[in-house]
């Protein structure tokens, strides 16, 4: 390259240097450090002591809570994410039609996705409280028994899943954009061929929106495995560890017990789990996801 080209590159690097320094200091360095700390015994007070793979081995052989955390997380993510995607897609399909007050309903269903998680936790903890909650108060009024939504080991995880379905407005907006992009001529051709509304929905709408469905599933699984705020504020991992999810267990080890080495090992195991789930989703969906601009 000429001197002028090198000079232009130098100017460009100078302009982006604040971002590069921040990226190196707050992303690359912590990432590489966590790999090293996962191979050590470290409590933030004393210097780290290298112990090899002991943290990884202890998680799978000696940590009794880890055997509870994995099934809880798989249940929460494996059931909650698909249900949230289905809910968002059905809401988007309903709000894509010509109904009275459609903009108002769109705003109402999208609103929960922009509310801070702490506010959502406060509202739902009030609504679901077995003693003074609004929902149980209505049940008492009609002569029914109160339901321990968040205090029952059986109902706690399904309750959190329902709350996640309620706050699926972001995915609903994505599906609305995808639905409005479906060519009208496809529906007209299906009508000419004798297709009814269900046929159009299953054979035109869903295939054309399948890339967005795959995107929301992948991002939903990624965020679901890392979900922390709502479970922590609503249940704290209880009752009886029924909602002790992966992120909560990692947080306890890191900031309550100061086991930074073990927490770093858990973070890398979580990374591998997310990569495996993402790979499975992409491989299993390669034949059923329709890309309109491709030759497939």
C-alpha atoms as a PDB file:
ATOM      1  CA  UNK A   1       0.000   0.000   0.000  1.00  0.00           C
ATOM      2  CA  UNK A   2       1.070   3.573  -0.585  1.00  0.00           C
ATOM      3  CA  UNK A   3       1.968   6.003   2.174  1.00  0.00           C
ATOM      4  CA  UNK A   4      -1.326   7.805   1.695  1.00  0.00           C
ATOM      5  CA  UNK A   5      -3.278   4.577   2.203  1.00  0.00           C
ATOM      6  CA  UNK A   6      -1.293   3.798   5.376  1.00  0.00           C
ATOM      7  CA  UNK A   7      -1.978   7.321   6.579  1.00  0.00           C
ATOM      8  CA  UNK A   8      -5.718   6.874   5.999  1.00  0.00           C
ATOM      9  CA  UNK A   9      -5.675   3.581   7.903  1.00  0.00           C
ATOM     10  CA  UNK A  10      -3.849   5.291  10.766  1.00  0.00           C
ATOM     11  CA  UNK A  11      -6.446   8.049  10.894  1.00  0.00           C
ATOM     12  CA  UNK A  12      -9.253   5.515  10.882  1.00  0.00           C
ATOM     13  CA  UNK A  13      -7.676   3.545  13.745  1.00  0.00           C
ATOM     14  CA  UNK A  14      -7.178   6.778  15.658  1.00  0.00           C
ATOM     15  CA  UNK A  15     -10.880   7.618  15.388  1.00  0.00           C
ATOM     16  CA  UNK A  16     -11.998   4.141  16.484  1.00  0.00           C
ATOM     17  CA  UNK A  17      -9.302   3.797  19.152  1.00  0.00           C
ATOM     18  CA  UNK A  18     -11.668   4.684  22.063  1.00  0.00           C
ATOM     19  CA  UNK A  19     -13.942   1.811  21.078  1.00  0.00           C
ATOM     20  CA  UNK A  20     -10.990  -0.523  20.468  1.00  0.00           C
ATOM     21  CA  UNK A  21      -9.517   0.249  23.889  1.00  0.00           C
ATOM     22  CA  UNK A  22     -12.881  -0.316  25.549  1.00  0.00           C
ATOM     23  CA  UNK A  23     -13.378  -3.561  23.639  1.00  0.00           C
ATOM     24  CA  UNK A  24      -9.941  -4.851  24.636  1.00  0.00           C
ATOM     25  CA  UNK A  25     -10.291  -3.764  28.274  1.00  0.00           C
ATOM     26  CA  UNK A  26     -13.913  -4.741  28.947  1.00  0.00           C
ATOM     27  CA  UNK A  27     -14.484  -7.671  26.593  1.00  0.00           C
ATOM     28  CA  UNK A  28     -11.315  -9.403  25.413  1.00  0.00           C
ATOM     29  CA  UNK A  29      -9.368  -9.179  28.688  1.00  0.00           C
ATOM     30  CA  UNK A  30     -12.252 -10.435  30.922  1.00  0.00           C
ATOM     31  CA  UNK A  31     -12.954 -13.221  28.426  1.00  0.00           C
ATOM     32  CA  UNK A  32      -9.356 -14.470  28.438  1.00  0.00           C
ATOM     33  CA  UNK A  33      -9.089 -13.971  32.194  1.00  0.00           C
ATOM     34  CA  UNK A  34     -12.166 -16.102  32.829  1.00  0.00           C
ATOM     35  CA  UNK A  35     -10.530 -19.006  30.981  1.00  0.00           C
ATOM     36  CA  UNK A  36      -7.548 -18.801  33.322  1.00  0.00           C
ATOM     37  CA  UNK A  37      -9.634 -18.274  36.461  1.00  0.00           C
ATOM     38  CA  UNK A  38     -11.758 -21.322  35.616  1.00  0.00           C
ATOM     39  CA  UNK A  39      -8.598 -23.381  36.111  1.00  0.00           C
ATOM     40  CA  UNK A  40      -7.828 -21.827  39.499  1.00  0.00           C
ATOM     41  CA  UNK A  41      -9.130 -21.517  43.054  1.00  0.00           C
ATOM     42  CA  UNK A  42      -9.809 -17.809  43.417  1.00  0.00           C
ATOM     43  CA  UNK A  43     -11.834 -15.843  45.982  1.00  0.00           C
ATOM     44  CA  UNK A  44     -11.003 -12.208  45.023  1.00  0.00           C
ATOM     45  CA  UNK A  45      -8.981 -11.819  48.239  1.00  0.00           C
ATOM     46  CA  UNK A  46      -6.058 -14.194  47.870  1.00  0.00           C
ATOM     47  CA  UNK A  47      -4.052 -14.738  44.682  1.00  0.00           C
ATOM     48  CA  UNK A  48      -5.473 -17.416  42.349  1.00  0.00           C
ATOM     49  CA  UNK A  49      -4.059 -20.933  42.761  1.00  0.00           C
ATOM     50  CA  UNK A  50      -3.856 -23.095  39.653  1.00  0.00           C
ATOM     51  CA  UNK A  51      -5.771 -26.372  40.126  1.00  0.00           C
ATOM     52  CA  UNK A  52      -6.317 -27.489  36.515  1.00  0.00           C
ATOM     53  CA  UNK A  53      -9.708 -28.988  35.666  1.00  0.00           C
ATOM     54  CA  UNK A  54     -10.749 -29.536  39.283  1.00  0.00           C
ATOM     55  CA  UNK A  55     -13.524 -26.922  39.112  1.00  0.00           C
ATOM     56  CA  UNK A  56     -15.088 -28.649  36.108  1.00  0.00           C
ATOM     57  CA  UNK A  57     -14.773 -32.098  37.674  1.00  0.00           C
ATOM     58  CA  UNK A  58     -16.253 -30.953  41.001  1.00  0.00           C
ATOM     59  CA  UNK A  59     -19.268 -29.413  39.259  1.00  0.00           C
ATOM     60  CA  UNK A  60     -20.279 -32.735  37.744  1.00  0.00           C
ATOM     61  CA  UNK A  61     -19.217 -35.024  40.602  1.00  0.00           C
ATOM     62  CA  UNK A  62     -19.368 -33.172  43.942  1.00  0.00           C
ATOM     63  CA  UNK A  63     -21.793 -30.263  43.582  1.00  0.00           C
ATOM     64  CA  UNK A  64     -25.246 -31.568  44.608  1.00  0.00           C
ATOM     65  CA  UNK A  65     -26.928 -28.323  43.516  1.00  0.00           C
ATOM     66  CA  UNK A  66     -25.555 -28.557  39.974  1.00  0.00           C
ATOM     67  CA  UNK A  67     -27.564 -31.740  39.389  1.00  0.00           C
ATOM     68  CA  UNK A  68     -30.713 -29.794  40.266  1.00  0.00           C
ATOM     69  CA  UNK A  69     -29.791 -26.652  38.339  1.00  0.00           C
ATOM     70  CA  UNK A  70     -29.342 -28.376  34.969  1.00  0.00           C
ATOM     71  CA  UNK A  71     -32.824 -30.056  34.846  1.00  0.00           C
ATOM     72  CA  UNK A  72     -34.463 -26.873  36.144  1.00  0.00           C
ATOM     73  CA  UNK A  73     -32.817 -24.770  33.456  1.00  0.00           C
ATOM     74  CA  UNK A  74     -33.537 -27.232  30.649  1.00  0.00           C
ATOM     75  CA  UNK A  75     -37.193 -27.412  31.704  1.00  0.00           C
ATOM     76  CA  UNK A  76     -37.492 -23.632  31.955  1.00  0.00           C
ATOM     77  CA  UNK A  77     -35.777 -22.914  28.639  1.00  0.00           C
ATOM     78  CA  UNK A  78     -36.961 -25.962  26.685  1.00  0.00           C
ATOM     79  CA  UNK A  79     -40.619 -25.334  27.502  1.00  0.00           C
ATOM     80  CA  UNK A  80     -40.715 -21.595  28.079  1.00  0.00           C
ATOM     81  CA  UNK A  81     -38.923 -20.413  24.931  1.00  0.00           C
ATOM     82  CA  UNK A  82     -41.092 -22.300  22.385  1.00  0.00           C
ATOM     83  CA  UNK A  83     -44.263 -21.277  24.240  1.00  0.00           C
ATOM     84  CA  UNK A  84     -43.177 -17.624  24.236  1.00  0.00           C
ATOM     85  CA  UNK A  85     -42.430 -17.792  20.496  1.00  0.00           C
ATOM     86  CA  UNK A  86     -45.789 -19.444  19.760  1.00  0.00           C
ATOM     87  CA  UNK A  87     -47.605 -16.843  21.857  1.00  0.00           C
ATOM     88  CA  UNK A  88     -45.853 -13.962  20.107  1.00  0.00           C
ATOM     89  CA  UNK A  89     -46.566 -15.418  16.671  1.00  0.00           C
ATOM     90  CA  UNK A  90     -50.255 -15.981  17.389  1.00  0.00           C
ATOM     91  CA  UNK A  91     -50.624 -12.465  18.790  1.00  0.00           C
ATOM     92  CA  UNK A  92     -48.888 -11.026  15.745  1.00  0.00           C
ATOM     93  CA  UNK A  93     -51.172 -13.023  13.440  1.00  0.00           C
ATOM     94  CA  UNK A  94     -54.247 -11.707  15.233  1.00  0.00           C
ATOM     95  CA  UNK A  95     -53.002  -8.112  15.248  1.00  0.00           C
ATOM     96  CA  UNK A  96     -52.069  -8.315  11.577  1.00  0.00           C
ATOM     97  CA  UNK A  97     -55.714  -8.525  10.601  1.00  0.00           C
ATOM     98  CA  UNK A  98     -58.163  -5.693  10.243  1.00  0.00           C
ATOM     99  CA  UNK A  99     -59.606  -5.201  13.712  1.00  0.00           C
ATOM    100  CA  UNK A 100     -60.963  -2.149  15.483  1.00  0.00           C
ATOM    101  CA  UNK A 101     -58.345  -0.365  17.573  1.00  0.00           C
ATOM    102  CA  UNK A 102     -55.447  -2.372  16.134  1.00  0.00           C
ATOM    103  CA  UNK A 103     -52.741   0.237  16.978  1.00  0.00           C
ATOM    104  CA  UNK A 104     -53.964   0.353  20.576  1.00  0.00           C
ATOM    105  CA  UNK A 105     -53.821  -3.425  20.967  1.00  0.00           C
ATOM    106  CA  UNK A 106     -50.356  -3.519  19.411  1.00  0.00           C
ATOM    107  CA  UNK A 107     -49.135  -0.963  21.916  1.00  0.00           C
ATOM    108  CA  UNK A 108     -50.734  -2.826  24.830  1.00  0.00           C
ATOM    109  CA  UNK A 109     -49.129  -6.156  23.925  1.00  0.00           C
ATOM    110  CA  UNK A 110     -45.749  -4.576  23.201  1.00  0.00           C
ATOM    111  CA  UNK A 111     -45.681  -2.497  26.369  1.00  0.00           C
ATOM    112  CA  UNK A 112     -44.559  -5.329  28.747  1.00  0.00           C
ATOM    113  CA  UNK A 113     -41.369  -5.870  26.741  1.00  0.00           C
ATOM    114  CA  UNK A 114     -40.112  -2.331  27.469  1.00  0.00           C
ATOM    115  CA  UNK A 115     -40.916  -2.344  31.192  1.00  0.00           C
ATOM    116  CA  UNK A 116     -37.842  -2.886  33.432  1.00  0.00           C
ATOM    117  CA  UNK A 117     -37.624  -6.387  34.834  1.00  0.00           C
ATOM    118  CA  UNK A 118     -37.662  -5.066  38.401  1.00  0.00           C
ATOM    119  CA  UNK A 119     -41.024  -3.383  37.792  1.00  0.00           C
ATOM    120  CA  UNK A 120     -42.422  -6.559  36.222  1.00  0.00           C
ATOM    121  CA  UNK A 121     -41.260  -8.550  39.244  1.00  0.00           C
ATOM    122  CA  UNK A 122     -42.902  -6.121  41.675  1.00  0.00           C
ATOM    123  CA  UNK A 123     -46.210  -6.136  39.801  1.00  0.00           C
ATOM    124  CA  UNK A 124     -46.393  -9.912  39.448  1.00  0.00           C
ATOM    125  CA  UNK A 125     -45.288 -10.555  43.032  1.00  0.00           C
ATOM    126  CA  UNK A 126     -48.224  -8.401  44.135  1.00  0.00           C
ATOM    127  CA  UNK A 127     -50.690 -10.047  41.762  1.00  0.00           C
ATOM    128  CA  UNK A 128     -49.635 -13.605  42.674  1.00  0.00           C
ATOM    129  CA  UNK A 129     -49.152 -13.224  46.400  1.00  0.00           C
ATOM    130  CA  UNK A 130     -51.150 -15.993  48.147  1.00  0.00           C
ATOM    131  CA  UNK A 131     -52.228 -13.724  51.031  1.00  0.00           C
ATOM    132  CA  UNK A 132     -53.022 -10.319  49.547  1.00  0.00           C
ATOM    133  CA  UNK A 133     -52.512 -10.816  45.804  1.00  0.00           C
ATOM    134  CA  UNK A 134     -55.165  -9.518  43.443  1.00  0.00           C
ATOM    135  CA  UNK A 135     -55.591 -12.823  41.591  1.00  0.00           C
ATOM    136  CA  UNK A 136     -56.050 -14.883  44.759  1.00  0.00           C
ATOM    137  CA  UNK A 137     -58.369 -12.198  46.150  1.00  0.00           C
ATOM    138  CA  UNK A 138     -60.641 -12.712  43.152  1.00  0.00           C
ATOM    139  CA  UNK A 139     -60.490 -16.487  43.655  1.00  0.00           C
ATOM    140  CA  UNK A 140     -61.485 -16.072  47.316  1.00  0.00           C
ATOM    141  CA  UNK A 141     -64.360 -13.827  46.306  1.00  0.00           C
ATOM    142  CA  UNK A 142     -65.863 -16.525  44.050  1.00  0.00           C
ATOM    143  CA  UNK A 143     -65.341 -19.204  46.705  1.00  0.00           C
ATOM    144  CA  UNK A 144     -62.262 -20.899  45.253  1.00  0.00           C
ATOM    145  CA  UNK A 145     -59.038 -21.855  47.028  1.00  0.00           C
ATOM    146  CA  UNK A 146     -55.978 -19.674  46.732  1.00  0.00           C
ATOM    147  CA  UNK A 147     -53.210 -20.854  44.422  1.00  0.00           C
ATOM    148  CA  UNK A 148     -49.572 -20.724  45.629  1.00  0.00           C
ATOM    149  CA  UNK A 149     -48.181 -19.603  42.297  1.00  0.00           C
ATOM    150  CA  UNK A 150     -44.665 -18.729  43.457  1.00  0.00           C
ATOM    151  CA  UNK A 151     -44.510 -20.649  46.746  1.00  0.00           C
ATOM    152  CA  UNK A 152     -45.259 -24.113  45.382  1.00  0.00           C
ATOM    153  CA  UNK A 153     -42.350 -26.193  43.985  1.00  0.00           C
ATOM    154  CA  UNK A 154     -44.741 -27.587  41.382  1.00  0.00           C
ATOM    155  CA  UNK A 155     -46.179 -24.282  40.183  1.00  0.00           C
ATOM    156  CA  UNK A 156     -43.192 -21.930  40.464  1.00  0.00           C
ATOM    157  CA  UNK A 157     -41.512 -22.809  37.153  1.00  0.00           C
ATOM    158  CA  UNK A 158     -44.770 -22.826  35.118  1.00  0.00           C
ATOM    159  CA  UNK A 159     -45.640 -19.449  36.648  1.00  0.00           C
ATOM    160  CA  UNK A 160     -42.315 -17.955  35.533  1.00  0.00           C
ATOM    161  CA  UNK A 161     -42.878 -19.421  32.067  1.00  0.00           C
ATOM    162  CA  UNK A 162     -46.314 -17.768  31.848  1.00  0.00           C
ATOM    163  CA  UNK A 163     -44.792 -14.431  32.869  1.00  0.00           C
ATOM    164  CA  UNK A 164     -42.227 -14.864  30.090  1.00  0.00           C
ATOM    165  CA  UNK A 165     -45.023 -15.527  27.610  1.00  0.00           C
ATOM    166  CA  UNK A 166     -46.778 -12.363  28.783  1.00  0.00           C
ATOM    167  CA  UNK A 167     -43.648 -10.291  28.106  1.00  0.00           C
ATOM    168  CA  UNK A 168     -43.072 -11.503  24.535  1.00  0.00           C
ATOM    169  CA  UNK A 169     -43.943  -8.200  22.857  1.00  0.00           C
ATOM    170  CA  UNK A 170     -40.519  -7.774  21.253  1.00  0.00           C
ATOM    171  CA  UNK A 171     -40.896 -11.038  19.321  1.00  0.00           C
ATOM    172  CA  UNK A 172     -44.446 -10.045  18.425  1.00  0.00           C
ATOM    173  CA  UNK A 173     -43.156  -6.884  16.704  1.00  0.00           C
ATOM    174  CA  UNK A 174     -40.652  -8.947  14.703  1.00  0.00           C
ATOM    175  CA  UNK A 175     -43.402 -11.307  13.613  1.00  0.00           C
ATOM    176  CA  UNK A 176     -45.638  -8.389  12.654  1.00  0.00           C
ATOM    177  CA  UNK A 177     -42.929  -7.099  10.343  1.00  0.00           C
ATOM    178  CA  UNK A 178     -42.497 -10.570   8.840  1.00  0.00           C
ATOM    179  CA  UNK A 179     -46.237 -11.048   8.357  1.00  0.00           C
ATOM    180  CA  UNK A 180     -46.572  -7.755   6.544  1.00  0.00           C
ATOM    181  CA  UNK A 181     -43.794  -8.853   4.211  1.00  0.00           C
ATOM    182  CA  UNK A 182     -45.671 -11.950   3.008  1.00  0.00           C
ATOM    183  CA  UNK A 183     -46.691 -11.317  -0.646  1.00  0.00           C
ATOM    184  CA  UNK A 184     -50.440 -10.911  -1.062  1.00  0.00           C
ATOM    185  CA  UNK A 185     -50.324 -12.835  -4.339  1.00  0.00           C
ATOM    186  CA  UNK A 186     -49.446 -16.006  -2.434  1.00  0.00           C
ATOM    187  CA  UNK A 187     -52.700 -15.798  -0.491  1.00  0.00           C
ATOM    188  CA  UNK A 188     -54.597 -15.023  -3.679  1.00  0.00           C
ATOM    189  CA  UNK A 189     -53.071 -18.028  -5.431  1.00  0.00           C
ATOM    190  CA  UNK A 190     -53.915 -20.239  -2.443  1.00  0.00           C
ATOM    191  CA  UNK A 191     -57.507 -18.984  -2.532  1.00  0.00           C
ATOM    192  CA  UNK A 192     -57.760 -19.841  -6.218  1.00  0.00           C
ATOM    193  CA  UNK A 193     -56.496 -23.345  -5.416  1.00  0.00           C
ATOM    194  CA  UNK A 194     -59.259 -23.775  -2.841  1.00  0.00           C
ATOM    195  CA  UNK A 195     -57.251 -23.246   0.350  1.00  0.00           C
ATOM    196  CA  UNK A 196     -59.106 -22.138   3.458  1.00  0.00           C
ATOM    197  CA  UNK A 197     -57.779 -19.898   6.246  1.00  0.00           C
ATOM    198  CA  UNK A 198     -56.024 -22.761   8.076  1.00  0.00           C
ATOM    199  CA  UNK A 199     -54.322 -23.937   4.884  1.00  0.00           C
ATOM    200  CA  UNK A 200     -53.069 -20.423   4.198  1.00  0.00           C
ATOM    201  CA  UNK A 201     -51.773 -20.113   7.751  1.00  0.00           C
ATOM    202  CA  UNK A 202     -49.883 -23.429   7.804  1.00  0.00           C
ATOM    203  CA  UNK A 203     -48.696 -23.567   4.188  1.00  0.00           C
ATOM    204  CA  UNK A 204     -48.109 -19.887   3.373  1.00  0.00           C
ATOM    205  CA  UNK A 205     -47.773 -17.774   6.522  1.00  0.00           C
ATOM    206  CA  UNK A 206     -45.638 -20.062   8.682  1.00  0.00           C
ATOM    207  CA  UNK A 207     -43.152 -21.098   5.926  1.00  0.00           C
ATOM    208  CA  UNK A 208     -42.653 -17.518   4.825  1.00  0.00           C
ATOM    209  CA  UNK A 209     -42.059 -16.405   8.431  1.00  0.00           C
ATOM    210  CA  UNK A 210     -39.856 -19.394   9.286  1.00  0.00           C
ATOM    211  CA  UNK A 211     -36.539 -17.422   9.213  1.00  0.00           C
ATOM    212  CA  UNK A 212     -37.903 -15.015  11.821  1.00  0.00           C
ATOM    213  CA  UNK A 213     -39.249 -17.935  13.856  1.00  0.00           C
ATOM    214  CA  UNK A 214     -35.782 -19.510  13.816  1.00  0.00           C
ATOM    215  CA  UNK A 215     -34.193 -16.200  14.840  1.00  0.00           C
ATOM    216  CA  UNK A 216     -36.543 -15.731  17.790  1.00  0.00           C
ATOM    217  CA  UNK A 217     -36.017 -19.337  18.889  1.00  0.00           C
ATOM    218  CA  UNK A 218     -32.240 -19.007  18.819  1.00  0.00           C
ATOM    219  CA  UNK A 219     -32.187 -15.673  20.650  1.00  0.00           C
ATOM    220  CA  UNK A 220     -34.857 -16.939  23.057  1.00  0.00           C
ATOM    221  CA  UNK A 221     -32.751 -19.964  23.988  1.00  0.00           C
ATOM    222  CA  UNK A 222     -29.658 -17.795  24.427  1.00  0.00           C
ATOM    223  CA  UNK A 223     -31.445 -15.322  26.687  1.00  0.00           C
ATOM    224  CA  UNK A 224     -33.349 -18.077  28.485  1.00  0.00           C
ATOM    225  CA  UNK A 225     -30.195 -19.868  29.605  1.00  0.00           C
ATOM    226  CA  UNK A 226     -28.926 -16.565  31.013  1.00  0.00           C
ATOM    227  CA  UNK A 227     -32.208 -15.397  32.540  1.00  0.00           C
ATOM    228  CA  UNK A 228     -31.553 -14.061  36.015  1.00  0.00           C
ATOM    229  CA  UNK A 229     -33.525 -10.982  37.035  1.00  0.00           C
ATOM    230  CA  UNK A 230     -37.113 -12.254  37.168  1.00  0.00           C
ATOM    231  CA  UNK A 231     -36.361 -15.627  38.829  1.00  0.00           C
ATOM    232  CA  UNK A 232     -34.075 -13.928  41.335  1.00  0.00           C
ATOM    233  CA  UNK A 233     -36.571 -11.218  42.285  1.00  0.00           C
ATOM    234  CA  UNK A 234     -39.704 -13.375  42.260  1.00  0.00           C
ATOM    235  CA  UNK A 235     -38.516 -16.625  43.823  1.00  0.00           C
ATOM    236  CA  UNK A 236     -34.819 -16.299  44.675  1.00  0.00           C
ATOM    237  CA  UNK A 237     -34.304 -19.844  43.455  1.00  0.00           C
ATOM    238  CA  UNK A 238     -36.991 -21.338  45.682  1.00  0.00           C
ATOM    239  CA  UNK A 239     -39.132 -22.883  46.844  1.00  0.00           C
ATOM    240  CA  UNK A 240     -37.028 -25.990  47.541  1.00  0.00           C
ATOM    241  CA  UNK A 241     -34.635 -25.047  44.696  1.00  0.00           C
ATOM    242  CA  UNK A 242     -37.416 -25.551  42.148  1.00  0.00           C
ATOM    243  CA  UNK A 243     -36.392 -22.339  40.334  1.00  0.00           C
ATOM    244  CA  UNK A 244     -32.663 -22.506  40.994  1.00  0.00           C
ATOM    245  CA  UNK A 245     -31.584 -21.878  37.411  1.00  0.00           C
ATOM    246  CA  UNK A 246     -28.099 -21.810  35.964  1.00  0.00           C
ATOM    247  CA  UNK A 247     -27.586 -18.041  36.144  1.00  0.00           C
ATOM    248  CA  UNK A 248     -28.743 -17.926  39.768  1.00  0.00           C
ATOM    249  CA  UNK A 249     -26.381 -20.720  40.792  1.00  0.00           C
ATOM    250  CA  UNK A 250     -23.509 -19.026  38.977  1.00  0.00           C
ATOM    251  CA  UNK A 251     -24.295 -15.743  40.743  1.00  0.00           C
ATOM    252  CA  UNK A 252     -24.324 -17.393  44.168  1.00  0.00           C
ATOM    253  CA  UNK A 253     -20.963 -19.036  43.610  1.00  0.00           C
ATOM    254  CA  UNK A 254     -19.387 -15.847  42.294  1.00  0.00           C
ATOM    255  CA  UNK A 255     -20.726 -13.113  44.567  1.00  0.00           C
ATOM    256  CA  UNK A 256     -22.075 -14.874  47.661  1.00  0.00           C
ATOM    257  CA  UNK A 257     -19.521 -17.647  48.186  1.00  0.00           C
ATOM    258  CA  UNK A 258     -16.688 -15.838  46.302  1.00  0.00           C
ATOM    259  CA  UNK A 259     -15.833 -18.951  44.312  1.00  0.00           C
ATOM    260  CA  UNK A 260     -14.707 -17.061  41.242  1.00  0.00           C
ATOM    261  CA  UNK A 261     -12.841 -20.008  39.772  1.00  0.00           C
ATOM    262  CA  UNK A 262     -15.895 -22.246  39.995  1.00  0.00           C
ATOM    263  CA  UNK A 263     -18.148 -19.494  38.640  1.00  0.00           C
ATOM    264  CA  UNK A 264     -15.824 -18.975  35.675  1.00  0.00           C
ATOM    265  CA  UNK A 265     -15.947 -22.707  34.958  1.00  0.00           C
ATOM    266  CA  UNK A 266     -19.751 -22.578  35.086  1.00  0.00           C
ATOM    267  CA  UNK A 267     -19.740 -19.659  32.660  1.00  0.00           C
ATOM    268  CA  UNK A 268     -17.728 -21.619  30.109  1.00  0.00           C
ATOM    269  CA  UNK A 269     -19.911 -24.693  30.525  1.00  0.00           C
ATOM    270  CA  UNK A 270     -22.926 -22.457  29.893  1.00  0.00           C
ATOM    271  CA  UNK A 271     -21.218 -21.104  26.794  1.00  0.00           C
ATOM    272  CA  UNK A 272     -20.746 -24.641  25.465  1.00  0.00           C
ATOM    273  CA  UNK A 273     -24.374 -25.526  26.234  1.00  0.00           C
ATOM    274  CA  UNK A 274     -25.600 -22.469  24.314  1.00  0.00           C
ATOM    275  CA  UNK A 275     -23.319 -23.267  21.365  1.00  0.00           C
ATOM    276  CA  UNK A 276     -24.597 -26.863  21.253  1.00  0.00           C
ATOM    277  CA  UNK A 277     -28.241 -25.784  21.389  1.00  0.00           C
ATOM    278  CA  UNK A 278     -27.682 -23.175  18.685  1.00  0.00           C
ATOM    279  CA  UNK A 279     -25.904 -25.712  16.466  1.00  0.00           C
ATOM    280  CA  UNK A 280     -28.719 -28.237  16.907  1.00  0.00           C
ATOM    281  CA  UNK A 281     -31.322 -25.606  16.035  1.00  0.00           C
ATOM    282  CA  UNK A 282     -29.539 -24.550  12.866  1.00  0.00           C
ATOM    283  CA  UNK A 283     -28.855 -28.118  11.735  1.00  0.00           C
ATOM    284  CA  UNK A 284     -32.379 -29.350  12.446  1.00  0.00           C
ATOM    285  CA  UNK A 285     -34.004 -26.354  10.761  1.00  0.00           C
ATOM    286  CA  UNK A 286     -31.968 -26.325   7.554  1.00  0.00           C
ATOM    287  CA  UNK A 287     -34.651 -28.268   5.645  1.00  0.00           C
ATOM    288  CA  UNK A 288     -37.743 -26.584   7.037  1.00  0.00           C
ATOM    289  CA  UNK A 289     -36.754 -22.903   7.037  1.00  0.00           C
ATOM    290  CA  UNK A 290     -37.739 -21.178   3.814  1.00  0.00           C
ATOM    291  CA  UNK A 291     -35.648 -18.271   2.534  1.00  0.00           C
ATOM    292  CA  UNK A 292     -37.537 -16.375  -0.147  1.00  0.00           C
ATOM    293  CA  UNK A 293     -34.400 -14.882  -1.707  1.00  0.00           C
ATOM    294  CA  UNK A 294     -32.496 -18.165  -1.938  1.00  0.00           C
ATOM    295  CA  UNK A 295     -32.645 -21.038  -4.387  1.00  0.00           C
ATOM    296  CA  UNK A 296     -33.729 -23.538  -1.730  1.00  0.00           C
END
